[in-house]
């Protein structure tokens, strides 16, 4: 397997086609990943047309790679297929609830990560769009997702037209806890975050945003409490719309 320590997020792509044969081969291999009850609680919507990409772009804050990539993959938590199977086989499904969404979302994200690893091996580039759960209603409408299908991840995929620098990562000691969770003291926060804060690109990030610390950039500019609360409400409403949070439950 390609060395994951060299993995890069790719946002610019060449005009080279990503063949349907290659995608389906990677999908088949990724389907060998872990799945709850061997149910494979996910579906993938493949978007190639410029028209569909243009419709999806606003849901991802019009990030240019959505329309610039040859392929956009929307990975969905999908309990509809399993529900329909049960209904057609004299079984009574009970998957219109939040736990079922969590199970399907876990399946979908495991599939997504496995696909990414396989894409790396092929030399493909991709960008994982966390914006998928910010404005899910638009994605639901554009992709015509039925009840019990919820978008949880998006990948833009293509052949790289850039080689960006590697992004930094926290050291292993910062996230591994032996036996029980050990809370973070001020000293540990200093030990784990000082190197990140001292990177020239992060110091520039602080400066251009007019903040005193890197943490303030995240709390005040990138992921604010107000935005998080608003998008949480939107996400919960979309889960209700798709049947995963029936108010009667």
Protein backbone atom coordinates (compact mmCIF):
# COMPACT_ATOMS: atom_id res chain seq x y z
CA UNK A 1 0.00 0.00 0.00
CA UNK A 2 1.16 3.52 -0.72
CA UNK A 3 2.80 5.18 2.28
CA UNK A 4 -0.02 7.08 4.03
CA UNK A 5 2.50 9.45 5.57
CA UNK A 6 2.78 10.96 2.07
CA UNK A 7 -0.97 11.31 1.50
CA UNK A 8 -2.03 14.70 0.17
CA UNK A 9 -5.38 16.35 -0.36
CA UNK A 10 -5.74 17.15 -4.08
CA UNK A 11 -7.94 20.06 -5.17
CA UNK A 12 -6.70 20.56 -8.75
CA UNK A 13 -7.11 17.86 -11.39
CA UNK A 14 -5.93 17.18 -14.92
CA UNK A 15 -8.32 16.65 -17.82
CA UNK A 16 -7.51 12.94 -17.92
CA UNK A 17 -10.61 10.77 -17.64
CA UNK A 18 -11.30 8.57 -14.64
CA UNK A 19 -12.77 5.51 -16.31
CA UNK A 20 -15.97 3.84 -15.20
CA UNK A 21 -14.09 0.53 -15.18
CA UNK A 22 -11.54 1.85 -12.70
CA UNK A 23 -14.16 3.38 -10.43
CA UNK A 24 -16.23 0.19 -10.33
CA UNK A 25 -13.13 -1.88 -9.65
CA UNK A 26 -12.28 0.37 -6.71
CA UNK A 27 -15.88 0.28 -5.48
CA UNK A 28 -15.85 -3.52 -5.55
CA UNK A 29 -12.60 -3.66 -3.62
CA UNK A 30 -13.75 -1.03 -1.09
CA UNK A 31 -16.89 -3.08 -0.48
CA UNK A 32 -14.69 -5.63 1.29
CA UNK A 33 -14.36 -3.19 4.19
CA UNK A 34 -16.05 -3.76 7.55
CA UNK A 35 -19.84 -3.45 7.66
CA UNK A 36 -22.49 -3.94 10.33
CA UNK A 37 -24.23 -7.29 9.98
CA UNK A 38 -22.79 -7.63 6.46
CA UNK A 39 -25.57 -5.29 5.31
CA UNK A 40 -23.40 -2.71 3.48
CA UNK A 41 -25.47 0.24 4.62
CA UNK A 42 -24.24 2.72 2.01
CA UNK A 43 -24.81 3.89 -1.52
CA UNK A 44 -22.61 6.01 -3.80
CA UNK A 45 -23.95 8.57 -6.27
CA UNK A 46 -21.46 9.21 -9.09
CA UNK A 47 -21.63 12.67 -10.64
CA UNK A 48 -19.84 13.36 -13.92
CA UNK A 49 -22.00 15.88 -15.78
CA UNK A 50 -21.14 19.56 -15.59
CA UNK A 51 -24.81 20.37 -15.01
CA UNK A 52 -25.09 18.17 -11.93
CA UNK A 53 -21.78 19.40 -10.53
CA UNK A 54 -23.00 22.97 -10.90
CA UNK A 55 -26.13 22.09 -8.94
CA UNK A 56 -24.11 20.40 -6.19
CA UNK A 57 -21.49 23.14 -5.87
CA UNK A 58 -23.55 25.56 -3.73
CA UNK A 59 -24.04 22.82 -1.11
CA UNK A 60 -20.25 22.78 -0.78
CA UNK A 61 -19.83 26.57 -0.59
CA UNK A 62 -18.89 26.62 -4.30
CA UNK A 63 -15.45 25.19 -3.65
CA UNK A 64 -13.86 25.09 -7.13
CA UNK A 65 -12.85 21.41 -7.01
CA UNK A 66 -16.52 20.38 -7.09
CA UNK A 67 -16.90 21.61 -10.66
CA UNK A 68 -13.22 21.13 -11.53
CA UNK A 69 -12.95 17.43 -10.72
CA UNK A 70 -13.79 14.82 -13.37
CA UNK A 71 -15.87 12.88 -10.84
CA UNK A 72 -17.75 13.77 -7.67
CA UNK A 73 -18.77 10.91 -5.38
CA UNK A 74 -21.50 11.41 -2.78
CA UNK A 75 -21.46 8.59 -0.26
CA UNK A 76 -24.74 8.07 1.56
CA UNK A 77 -25.85 6.29 4.67
CA UNK A 78 -28.49 4.01 3.16
CA UNK A 79 -31.02 1.96 5.07
CA UNK A 80 -33.56 2.16 2.25
CA UNK A 81 -32.14 -0.76 0.28
CA UNK A 82 -32.12 -3.01 3.36
CA UNK A 83 -35.61 -1.82 4.31
CA UNK A 84 -36.95 -2.58 0.83
CA UNK A 85 -35.31 -6.02 0.94
CA UNK A 86 -37.06 -6.74 4.24
CA UNK A 87 -40.41 -5.53 2.90
CA UNK A 88 -40.10 -7.77 -0.16
CA UNK A 89 -39.21 -10.81 1.99
CA UNK A 90 -42.06 -10.84 4.53
CA UNK A 91 -39.95 -9.12 7.22
CA UNK A 92 -40.89 -6.00 9.18
CA UNK A 93 -38.03 -3.46 9.20
CA UNK A 94 -37.48 -1.04 12.07
CA UNK A 95 -34.71 1.17 10.77
CA UNK A 96 -36.36 4.62 10.83
CA UNK A 97 -34.46 5.80 13.89
CA UNK A 98 -31.29 7.60 14.89
CA UNK A 99 -29.34 4.47 15.87
CA UNK A 100 -29.89 3.08 12.38
CA UNK A 101 -28.54 6.32 10.90
CA UNK A 102 -25.43 6.06 13.07
CA UNK A 103 -24.90 2.46 11.96
CA UNK A 104 -25.36 3.35 8.30
CA UNK A 105 -23.18 6.45 8.58
CA UNK A 106 -20.42 4.37 10.15
CA UNK A 107 -20.66 1.85 7.31
CA UNK A 108 -20.58 4.66 4.74
CA UNK A 109 -17.54 6.36 6.26
CA UNK A 110 -15.62 3.09 6.57
CA UNK A 111 -16.34 2.47 2.88
CA UNK A 112 -15.24 6.02 2.05
CA UNK A 113 -11.89 5.68 3.83
CA UNK A 114 -11.18 2.31 2.24
CA UNK A 115 -11.96 3.77 -1.18
CA UNK A 116 -9.54 6.64 -0.48
CA UNK A 117 -6.75 4.22 0.40
CA UNK A 118 -7.37 2.25 -2.80
CA UNK A 119 -7.48 5.45 -4.87
CA UNK A 120 -4.07 6.40 -3.44
CA UNK A 121 -2.66 3.09 -4.67
CA UNK A 122 -3.91 3.85 -8.19
CA UNK A 123 -2.32 7.31 -8.17
CA UNK A 124 -5.67 9.09 -8.12
CA UNK A 125 -6.11 12.33 -6.20
CA UNK A 126 -9.10 13.22 -4.09
CA UNK A 127 -10.46 15.75 -1.66
CA UNK A 128 -12.79 14.84 1.20
CA UNK A 129 -15.50 17.49 1.57
CA UNK A 130 -16.67 17.88 5.15
CA UNK A 131 -19.31 20.31 3.88
CA UNK A 132 -21.60 17.40 2.97
CA UNK A 133 -23.45 17.57 6.30
CA UNK A 134 -23.65 21.39 6.41
CA UNK A 135 -26.41 21.84 3.82
CA UNK A 136 -27.70 18.31 3.20
CA UNK A 137 -31.11 19.40 1.94
CA UNK A 138 -29.66 20.72 -1.31
CA UNK A 139 -27.75 17.50 -1.89
CA UNK A 140 -30.87 15.48 -1.10
CA UNK A 141 -32.84 17.49 -3.67
CA UNK A 142 -30.19 17.47 -6.42
CA UNK A 143 -29.51 13.73 -6.10
CA UNK A 144 -33.17 12.85 -5.45
CA UNK A 145 -32.35 10.87 -2.35
CA UNK A 146 -35.39 9.01 -1.00
CA UNK A 147 -36.39 8.32 2.58
CA UNK A 148 -33.75 6.53 4.69
CA UNK A 149 -30.90 7.76 2.48
CA UNK A 150 -28.69 10.53 3.89
CA UNK A 151 -25.53 12.07 2.40
CA UNK A 152 -22.58 11.81 4.79
CA UNK A 153 -19.42 12.26 2.68
CA UNK A 154 -18.32 13.68 -0.65
CA UNK A 155 -15.12 13.03 -2.58
CA UNK A 156 -13.88 14.95 -5.59
CA UNK A 157 -11.76 12.51 -7.60
CA UNK A 158 -9.36 12.83 -10.51
CA UNK A 159 -5.76 12.64 -11.65
CA UNK A 160 -3.65 15.17 -9.71
CA UNK A 161 -2.58 18.42 -11.36
CA UNK A 162 -0.69 19.60 -8.28
CA UNK A 163 1.56 18.31 -5.52
CA UNK A 164 0.72 20.42 -2.48
CA UNK A 165 2.85 20.32 0.67
CA UNK A 166 2.00 17.78 3.33
CA UNK A 167 -0.24 19.11 6.07
CA UNK A 168 0.90 18.78 9.67
CA UNK A 169 -0.40 16.17 12.10
CA UNK A 170 -0.41 15.92 15.89
CA UNK A 171 1.92 13.32 17.40
CA UNK A 172 0.58 9.90 18.38
CA UNK A 173 0.88 10.65 22.10
CA UNK A 174 -1.69 13.41 21.72
CA UNK A 175 -4.54 11.07 20.86
CA UNK A 176 -3.63 7.63 22.28
CA UNK A 177 -4.80 6.91 25.85
CA UNK A 178 -3.58 3.82 27.71
CA UNK A 179 -6.29 1.88 29.56
CA UNK A 180 -8.50 4.92 30.32
CA UNK A 181 -8.94 8.43 28.98
CA UNK A 182 -6.39 10.86 30.41
CA UNK A 183 -7.59 14.46 30.32
CA UNK A 184 -5.41 17.24 28.92
CA UNK A 185 -3.51 19.47 31.31
CA UNK A 186 -2.19 22.90 30.27
CA UNK A 187 1.26 21.34 30.07
CA UNK A 188 0.08 18.62 27.69
CA UNK A 189 -1.72 21.13 25.49
CA UNK A 190 1.52 23.10 25.25
CA UNK A 191 3.47 19.95 24.46
CA UNK A 192 1.07 18.77 21.75
CA UNK A 193 0.16 22.07 20.05
CA UNK A 194 3.18 24.35 20.25
CA UNK A 195 4.92 22.86 17.22
CA UNK A 196 1.72 23.23 15.18
CA UNK A 197 1.27 26.82 16.30
CA UNK A 198 4.85 27.70 15.39
CA UNK A 199 4.63 26.52 11.78
CA UNK A 200 5.14 29.56 9.50
CA UNK A 201 1.97 28.83 7.53
CA UNK A 202 -0.09 28.72 10.73
CA UNK A 203 1.47 31.91 12.04
CA UNK A 204 0.53 33.56 8.73
CA UNK A 205 -2.98 32.11 9.12
CA UNK A 206 -3.29 33.84 12.48
CA UNK A 207 -1.98 37.12 11.11
CA UNK A 208 -4.23 37.33 8.03
CA UNK A 209 -7.28 36.60 10.19
CA UNK A 210 -6.34 39.30 12.68
CA UNK A 211 -6.30 36.94 15.65
CA UNK A 212 -3.98 36.40 18.62
CA UNK A 213 -3.82 32.60 18.50
CA UNK A 214 -4.39 29.76 16.05
CA UNK A 215 -7.19 28.45 18.24
CA UNK A 216 -9.03 31.77 17.84
CA UNK A 217 -8.97 31.33 14.06
CA UNK A 218 -10.94 28.12 14.50
CA UNK A 219 -13.37 29.37 17.15
CA UNK A 220 -13.96 32.86 15.73
CA UNK A 221 -13.58 32.40 11.97
CA UNK A 222 -13.68 28.85 10.67
CA UNK A 223 -16.01 26.86 12.93
CA UNK A 224 -17.99 29.30 15.03
CA UNK A 225 -20.53 28.42 17.70
CA UNK A 226 -23.27 30.26 15.79
CA UNK A 227 -22.55 28.40 12.55
CA UNK A 228 -22.26 25.06 14.32
CA UNK A 229 -25.59 25.50 16.05
CA UNK A 230 -27.33 26.64 12.86
CA UNK A 231 -25.97 23.76 10.81
CA UNK A 232 -26.76 21.31 13.61
CA UNK A 233 -30.41 22.38 13.38
CA UNK A 234 -30.29 21.97 9.59
CA UNK A 235 -28.76 18.51 9.91
CA UNK A 236 -31.35 17.35 12.44
CA UNK A 237 -34.14 18.66 10.21
CA UNK A 238 -32.69 16.75 7.25
CA UNK A 239 -32.47 13.56 9.32
CA UNK A 240 -36.16 13.97 10.19
CA UNK A 241 -36.98 14.61 6.54
CA UNK A 242 -35.18 11.40 5.53
CA UNK A 243 -36.95 9.36 8.19
CA UNK A 244 -34.12 8.80 10.67
CA UNK A 245 -35.54 10.96 13.47
CA UNK A 246 -39.29 10.51 13.46
CA UNK A 247 -40.70 12.94 16.03
CA UNK A 248 -43.01 10.19 17.29
CA UNK A 249 -40.06 8.08 18.44
